[in-house]
Amino acid sequence: MALPVPTPSTAVAGGKILASDWNSAVRDAVLYLLDLQGGSGRRNLLVNGNFDIWQSGTPVAAIGSGGAWTADQWWAKRDSNGTAVVTQKGFGDTPADSFYGARVAVTDGSAAGGVTEFLQPIETQNAVKAAGHSVALKVRMDCTAGFSPADQELGVEVITGTGSDQNINSGWTGLATSLATVQGLTQDAEVYTFSDIPIPADAREIAVRFFWTNVGVASDDGVTIYNVQLSIGAAALFENTPAQQVLAECERHYQTGTNFWGGYASTGVGCGHEYDLLTSMRTAPTLAGVNTQNVAFGTGVVSTVTATTMHAVRTATSTGAGAWAETFTLDARLI
């Protein structure tokens, strides 16, 4: 199978190649291909870095201090003084080579002084691959006309911990900051690169975090992020992973679906099914179900869920033609 070269270029007859061009393009492309073939894997340590998957829907509004999941694997929070909203930006309202983006904004009318944040924690199984290495963070983003911080600066952090798959809101063991900076934004989408970010050798958790404090009452106060890539070593072009593969990566942490059973019911007899999950999950997930149909059955479902299978049963309340159905979510995310 042909592998994508991350930095394609065309030579011009009679032209010269500068050492800087060689180092930033040709060498990086070769190393990328060797990495893929040799086993170090894809560049991006983040999942859904191009915001392709939104299983929780869009927009996600009224986000307060409790926080909320938005685009898959991306968590938003507003600590005080109002709320935030995250909305998907679709193709045609994004740069030409970005299909989606995430617009993170303070809800209009929110008071000054609250911190709005947008972050992704990386599970330990992936985070350990960067331990003891330097990483590069590459982001394409812009801001609204009403983005209020001085000099339109957005906070950017890469933080680490020494625990294993802990909830970042509850605190990480050995919390440390590998990158703490601000980046001035414009209303035009631009790419920003933060290089040589040291990850401690004992790091087992990593998160990328963006944040700002609004000045004055919020009005059109937000940023849009189109692509985020955290890679070991030097920064390369944004990785374009097929959407179906990204979905499978997201379903390791979160899945949605429908359970249905229909047939002849007998009072007191359980009816249901067992099946394999779409993707093996990070750990046994938390199940939440909503009844959508119950004929000859009650609304309660007895479900047993593991990281790989789901067994769902309802007990019939009468005899005859029957059916039951529910929508459900399976949640194994890190927050």
Protein backbone atom coordinates (compact mmCIF):
# COMPACT_ATOMS: atom_id res chain seq x y z
CA MET A 1 0.00 0.00 0.00
CA ALA A 2 1.36 3.43 -0.90
CA LEU A 3 2.18 5.65 2.07
CA PRO A 4 1.46 9.40 2.06
CA VAL A 5 4.48 11.69 1.97
CA PRO A 6 3.82 14.46 4.48
CA THR A 7 5.77 17.22 2.71
CA PRO A 8 5.45 16.83 -1.07
CA SER A 9 7.32 19.29 -3.24
CA THR A 10 8.28 19.79 -6.86
CA ALA A 11 11.83 20.49 -7.97
CA VAL A 12 12.38 23.39 -10.38
CA ALA A 13 14.94 23.04 -13.17
CA GLY A 14 18.08 24.98 -12.30
CA GLY A 15 16.90 25.64 -8.77
CA LYS A 16 18.90 25.16 -5.60
CA ILE A 17 17.87 23.34 -2.46
CA LEU A 18 18.83 25.10 0.74
CA ALA A 19 19.97 23.05 3.69
CA SER A 20 17.03 24.42 5.71
CA ASP A 21 14.58 23.26 3.03
CA TRP A 22 16.17 19.83 2.92
CA ASN A 23 16.02 19.47 6.69
CA SER A 24 12.42 20.66 6.99
CA ALA A 25 11.01 18.81 3.98
CA VAL A 26 12.97 15.97 2.44
CA ARG A 27 14.53 14.62 5.64
CA ASP A 28 11.28 14.87 7.58
CA ALA A 29 9.34 13.08 4.84
CA VAL A 30 11.85 10.23 4.73
CA LEU A 31 11.83 9.86 8.51
CA TYR A 32 8.04 9.82 8.47
CA LEU A 33 7.95 6.97 5.96
CA LEU A 34 10.61 5.04 7.85
CA ASP A 35 8.70 5.51 11.09
CA LEU A 36 5.51 4.14 9.55
CA GLN A 37 7.28 1.15 8.05
CA GLY A 38 9.56 0.56 11.02
CA GLY A 39 6.93 0.47 13.71
CA SER A 40 6.97 3.78 15.61
CA GLY A 41 3.51 4.47 14.22
CA ARG A 42 1.55 7.53 13.25
CA ARG A 43 2.70 11.02 14.04
CA ASN A 44 -0.23 12.36 16.03
CA LEU A 45 -0.51 11.27 19.65
CA LEU A 46 -3.93 12.94 19.81
CA VAL A 47 -7.16 11.29 18.70
CA ASN A 48 -9.53 13.19 16.40
CA GLY A 49 -7.05 16.02 15.95
CA ASN A 50 -8.89 17.20 12.81
CA PHE A 51 -12.30 17.16 14.54
CA ASP A 52 -13.82 14.64 12.14
CA ILE A 53 -15.98 12.84 14.72
CA TRP A 54 -18.78 14.37 16.86
CA GLN A 55 -20.68 11.46 18.41
CA SER A 56 -22.09 13.67 21.18
CA GLY A 57 -23.63 16.03 18.62
CA THR A 58 -23.22 19.74 17.98
CA PRO A 59 -23.55 22.33 19.34
CA VAL A 60 -22.74 21.51 22.95
CA ALA A 61 -24.07 24.51 24.86
CA ALA A 62 -24.33 25.80 28.43
CA ILE A 63 -20.96 24.31 29.40
CA GLY A 64 -20.17 25.31 32.96
CA SER A 65 -17.81 24.31 35.73
CA GLY A 66 -18.82 20.65 35.39
CA GLY A 67 -17.46 20.59 31.85
CA ALA A 68 -18.67 18.55 28.87
CA TRP A 69 -17.41 16.39 26.04
CA THR A 70 -17.72 18.04 22.62
CA ALA A 71 -15.99 16.70 19.51
CA ASP A 72 -14.84 13.18 20.39
CA GLN A 73 -11.97 13.19 22.89
CA TRP A 74 -12.16 16.99 23.34
CA TRP A 75 -13.33 18.34 26.69
CA ALA A 76 -14.53 21.90 27.35
CA LYS A 77 -15.11 23.74 30.60
CA ARG A 78 -16.02 27.23 31.85
CA ASP A 79 -14.95 27.62 35.47
CA SER A 80 -17.20 30.56 36.48
CA ASN A 81 -19.05 33.71 35.40
CA GLY A 82 -21.27 32.22 32.74
CA THR A 83 -21.01 29.35 30.30
CA ALA A 84 -19.32 28.28 27.07
CA VAL A 85 -20.50 26.66 23.83
CA VAL A 86 -18.65 24.47 21.33
CA THR A 87 -19.93 24.23 17.77
CA GLN A 88 -18.78 22.25 14.76
CA LYS A 89 -17.63 24.32 11.80
CA GLY A 90 -18.27 22.50 8.56
CA PHE A 91 -16.60 22.32 5.17
CA GLY A 92 -16.86 25.62 3.32
CA ASP A 93 -16.40 27.53 6.57
CA THR A 94 -12.93 26.10 7.11
CA PRO A 95 -9.53 26.32 5.37
CA ALA A 96 -9.50 24.54 2.01
CA ASP A 97 -7.75 21.43 3.33
CA SER A 98 -9.70 21.14 6.60
CA PHE A 99 -13.15 19.54 6.56
CA TYR A 100 -14.22 20.44 10.10
CA GLY A 101 -13.22 22.70 12.95
CA ALA A 102 -14.25 23.29 16.56
CA ARG A 103 -15.48 26.77 17.47
CA VAL A 104 -15.03 27.30 21.22
CA ALA A 105 -16.73 30.43 22.54
CA VAL A 106 -17.91 32.14 25.68
CA THR A 107 -21.70 32.30 25.68
CA ASP A 108 -22.77 35.85 24.78
CA GLY A 109 -23.65 37.82 27.89
CA SER A 110 -21.35 35.88 30.22
CA ALA A 111 -19.60 38.09 32.75
CA ALA A 112 -15.91 38.90 32.62
CA GLY A 113 -13.29 36.90 34.44
CA GLY A 114 -14.19 33.29 33.78
CA VAL A 115 -11.69 30.87 32.26
CA THR A 116 -12.81 28.92 29.19
CA GLU A 117 -10.70 25.86 28.39
CA PHE A 118 -10.57 23.19 25.71
CA LEU A 119 -8.35 20.16 26.16
CA GLN A 120 -7.60 16.55 25.32
CA PRO A 121 -6.05 14.06 27.76
CA ILE A 122 -4.08 11.23 26.15
CA GLU A 123 -4.50 7.75 27.57
CA THR A 124 -1.46 6.20 29.23
CA GLN A 125 -1.00 3.51 26.57
CA ASN A 126 -0.26 6.25 24.02
CA ALA A 127 1.29 8.86 26.31
CA VAL A 128 4.18 6.61 27.39
CA LYS A 129 5.49 6.58 23.82
CA ALA A 130 6.55 10.20 24.26
CA ALA A 131 8.20 9.75 27.68
CA GLY A 132 11.77 11.04 27.66
CA HIS A 133 11.40 12.62 24.20
CA SER A 134 10.80 16.10 22.89
CA VAL A 135 7.51 16.70 21.12
CA ALA A 136 6.14 19.35 18.79
CA LEU A 137 2.66 20.84 18.97
CA LYS A 138 1.22 22.13 15.73
CA VAL A 139 -2.13 23.96 15.64
CA ARG A 140 -4.17 25.74 13.00
CA MET A 141 -6.63 28.24 14.47
CA ASP A 142 -8.16 31.70 14.32
CA CYS A 143 -10.25 33.95 16.55
CA THR A 144 -13.45 35.95 16.29
CA ALA A 145 -13.59 39.72 16.02
CA GLY A 146 -14.77 39.84 19.63
CA PHE A 147 -11.99 37.67 21.07
CA SER A 148 -11.25 39.74 24.15
CA PRO A 149 -7.85 38.91 25.75
CA ALA A 150 -5.11 41.52 25.43
CA ASP A 151 -3.37 41.16 22.06
CA GLN A 152 -5.89 38.38 21.31
CA GLU A 153 -3.64 35.91 23.13
CA LEU A 154 -4.72 32.33 23.74
CA GLY A 155 -3.08 30.23 26.46
CA VAL A 156 -1.44 27.03 25.23
CA GLU A 157 -0.19 24.25 27.51
CA VAL A 158 1.19 20.74 27.37
CA ILE A 159 0.96 19.13 30.79
CA THR A 160 2.04 15.72 32.07
CA GLY A 161 1.45 13.39 34.99
CA THR A 162 3.01 10.23 36.39
CA GLY A 163 -0.19 8.34 37.18
CA SER A 164 -2.16 6.03 34.91
CA ASP A 165 -5.34 7.12 33.11
CA GLN A 166 -6.41 9.49 35.88
CA ASN A 167 -9.22 12.03 35.63
CA ILE A 168 -7.47 15.34 35.02
CA ASN A 169 -10.28 17.24 36.78
CA SER A 170 -9.57 15.27 39.95
CA GLY A 171 -5.86 16.02 39.72
CA TRP A 172 -2.95 14.11 38.24
CA THR A 173 -0.18 12.54 40.26
CA GLY A 174 3.15 14.26 39.56
CA LEU A 175 1.53 17.09 37.59
CA ALA A 176 4.10 19.06 35.58
CA THR A 177 3.98 21.62 32.79
CA SER A 178 6.12 21.00 29.72
CA LEU A 179 4.80 23.97 27.74
CA ALA A 180 3.16 27.12 29.10
CA THR A 181 2.86 29.97 26.63
CA VAL A 182 0.43 32.30 24.91
CA GLN A 183 -0.19 32.75 21.21
CA GLY A 184 -1.59 35.89 19.62
CA LEU A 185 -4.31 35.04 17.11
CA THR A 186 -5.87 36.76 14.11
CA GLN A 187 -9.19 36.37 12.31
CA ASP A 188 -7.40 34.46 9.57
CA ALA A 189 -6.61 30.78 10.11
CA GLU A 190 -2.88 30.39 10.66
CA VAL A 191 -0.62 27.51 11.64
CA TYR A 192 1.41 27.82 14.84
CA THR A 193 4.18 25.43 15.82
CA PHE A 194 5.65 24.92 19.29
CA SER A 195 8.81 22.83 19.10
CA ASP A 196 11.24 21.09 21.45
CA ILE A 197 8.70 20.50 24.22
CA PRO A 198 10.38 18.18 26.77
CA ILE A 199 8.32 15.28 28.12
CA PRO A 200 9.68 13.85 31.40
CA ALA A 201 10.99 10.29 31.31
CA ASP A 202 8.49 9.24 33.98
CA ALA A 203 5.47 10.80 32.22
CA ARG A 204 2.51 8.44 31.89
CA GLU A 205 -0.17 11.04 31.10
CA ILE A 206 -0.17 13.98 28.69
CA ALA A 207 -2.77 16.62 27.89
CA VAL A 208 -2.95 19.52 25.45
CA ARG A 209 -4.89 22.51 26.78
CA PHE A 210 -6.08 25.81 25.28
CA PHE A 211 -7.62 28.52 27.50
CA TRP A 212 -8.40 32.19 27.95
CA THR A 213 -10.08 34.62 30.35
CA ASN A 214 -12.59 36.95 28.72
CA VAL A 215 -12.29 40.69 29.29
CA GLY A 216 -15.64 42.42 29.72
CA VAL A 217 -19.07 40.94 29.04
CA ALA A 218 -18.73 38.32 26.31
CA SER A 219 -19.90 39.10 22.79
CA ASP A 220 -18.66 37.03 19.86
CA ASP A 221 -15.72 35.96 22.06
CA GLY A 222 -14.14 32.74 20.83
CA VAL A 223 -11.60 30.79 18.81
CA THR A 224 -11.85 28.13 16.13
CA ILE A 225 -9.36 25.28 16.05
CA TYR A 226 -9.11 23.26 12.83
CA ASN A 227 -6.17 20.92 13.32
CA VAL A 228 -4.10 19.90 16.35
CA GLN A 229 -1.11 17.59 16.16
CA LEU A 230 1.23 16.49 18.95
CA SER A 231 4.13 14.51 17.52
CA ILE A 232 7.38 13.09 18.79
CA GLY A 233 10.37 14.94 17.38
CA ALA A 234 10.02 17.60 14.72
CA ALA A 235 6.69 18.94 13.50
CA ALA A 236 5.42 17.67 10.15
CA LEU A 237 2.40 18.38 7.97
CA PHE A 238 -0.93 17.65 9.60
CA GLU A 239 -1.72 13.97 9.45
CA ASN A 240 -4.86 13.16 7.47
CA THR A 241 -6.18 9.87 8.82
CA PRO A 242 -9.26 8.37 7.09
CA ALA A 243 -12.46 9.26 8.97
CA GLN A 244 -13.43 5.60 9.44
CA GLN A 245 -10.13 4.92 11.21
CA VAL A 246 -10.59 7.99 13.40
CA LEU A 247 -14.09 6.78 14.30
CA ALA A 248 -12.69 3.42 15.43
CA GLU A 249 -10.12 5.22 17.59
CA CYS A 250 -12.87 7.33 19.14
CA GLU A 251 -15.06 4.27 19.73
CA ARG A 252 -12.30 2.84 21.90
CA HIS A 253 -13.44 5.53 24.37
CA TYR A 254 -17.11 6.18 23.53
CA GLN A 255 -19.82 4.40 21.55
CA THR A 256 -23.48 5.04 20.80
CA GLY A 257 -26.08 2.64 19.47
CA THR A 258 -29.52 1.03 19.66
CA ASN A 259 -30.63 -2.24 21.25
CA PHE A 260 -33.77 -3.87 19.81
CA TRP A 261 -35.61 -7.13 20.36
CA GLY A 262 -38.87 -8.25 18.73
CA GLY A 263 -40.79 -11.56 18.76
CA TYR A 264 -43.13 -13.68 20.85
CA ALA A 265 -42.94 -12.78 24.53
CA SER A 266 -43.86 -14.95 27.51
CA THR A 267 -44.62 -13.43 30.89
CA GLY A 268 -41.61 -13.57 33.20
CA VAL A 269 -39.18 -14.69 30.48
CA GLY A 270 -36.15 -12.57 29.65
CA CYS A 271 -35.62 -11.68 26.00
CA GLY A 272 -32.55 -10.02 24.53
CA HIS A 273 -29.24 -10.61 22.88
CA GLU A 274 -25.46 -10.53 23.24
CA TYR A 275 -23.08 -9.13 20.69
CA ASP A 276 -19.54 -7.89 20.20
CA LEU A 277 -18.97 -4.14 20.47
CA LEU A 278 -18.00 -2.20 17.34
CA THR A 279 -14.50 -1.69 18.75
CA SER A 280 -12.85 -3.08 21.86
CA MET A 281 -12.96 -0.30 24.43
CA ARG A 282 -10.22 1.09 26.64
CA THR A 283 -11.83 -0.47 29.72
CA ALA A 284 -15.27 -1.75 30.71
CA PRO A 285 -17.49 1.28 29.96
CA THR A 286 -20.29 2.97 31.86
CA LEU A 287 -23.66 2.23 30.22
CA ALA A 288 -26.49 4.76 29.96
CA GLY A 289 -29.71 3.75 28.19
CA VAL A 290 -32.95 5.51 27.22
CA ASN A 291 -36.10 3.48 26.54
CA THR A 292 -37.64 4.09 23.11
CA GLN A 293 -40.12 1.20 22.83
CA ASN A 294 -41.75 -1.33 25.17
CA VAL A 295 -44.56 -3.63 24.02
CA ALA A 296 -45.18 -6.51 26.45
CA PHE A 297 -42.08 -5.43 28.34
CA GLY A 298 -41.20 -2.95 31.05
CA THR A 299 -38.70 -0.14 30.55
CA GLY A 300 -35.83 -1.60 32.57
CA VAL A 301 -32.94 -3.32 30.80
CA VAL A 302 -30.57 -5.69 32.54
CA SER A 303 -27.28 -5.20 30.72
CA THR A 304 -23.86 -6.65 31.26
CA VAL A 305 -21.09 -4.78 29.48
CA THR A 306 -17.41 -5.59 29.19
CA ALA A 307 -14.72 -3.90 27.13
CA THR A 308 -15.63 -6.19 24.22
CA THR A 309 -19.25 -7.38 24.56
CA MET A 310 -22.73 -6.25 25.56
CA HIS A 311 -25.56 -8.47 26.86
CA ALA A 312 -28.96 -6.73 27.06
CA VAL A 313 -32.17 -8.40 28.37
CA ARG A 314 -35.67 -7.30 29.39
CA THR A 315 -38.23 -9.45 31.20
CA ALA A 316 -41.65 -9.79 29.51
CA THR A 317 -44.64 -8.45 31.44
CA SER A 318 -47.26 -10.20 29.27
CA THR A 319 -47.57 -12.97 26.69
CA GLY A 320 -47.92 -12.33 22.96
CA ALA A 321 -46.26 -10.22 20.28
CA GLY A 322 -43.68 -8.01 21.94
CA ALA A 323 -40.79 -5.68 21.31
CA TRP A 324 -38.43 -3.45 23.19
CA ALA A 325 -35.79 -0.91 22.17
CA GLU A 326 -33.42 1.61 23.68
CA THR A 327 -30.71 3.99 22.63
CA PHE A 328 -27.51 3.77 24.65
CA THR A 329 -24.07 5.19 25.20
CA LEU A 330 -20.95 3.39 26.41
CA ASP A 331 -18.45 5.70 28.07
CA ALA A 332 -14.84 4.81 28.83
CA ARG A 333 -13.41 8.32 28.46
CA LEU A 334 -10.80 9.71 30.82
CA ILE A 335 -12.95 12.44 32.43
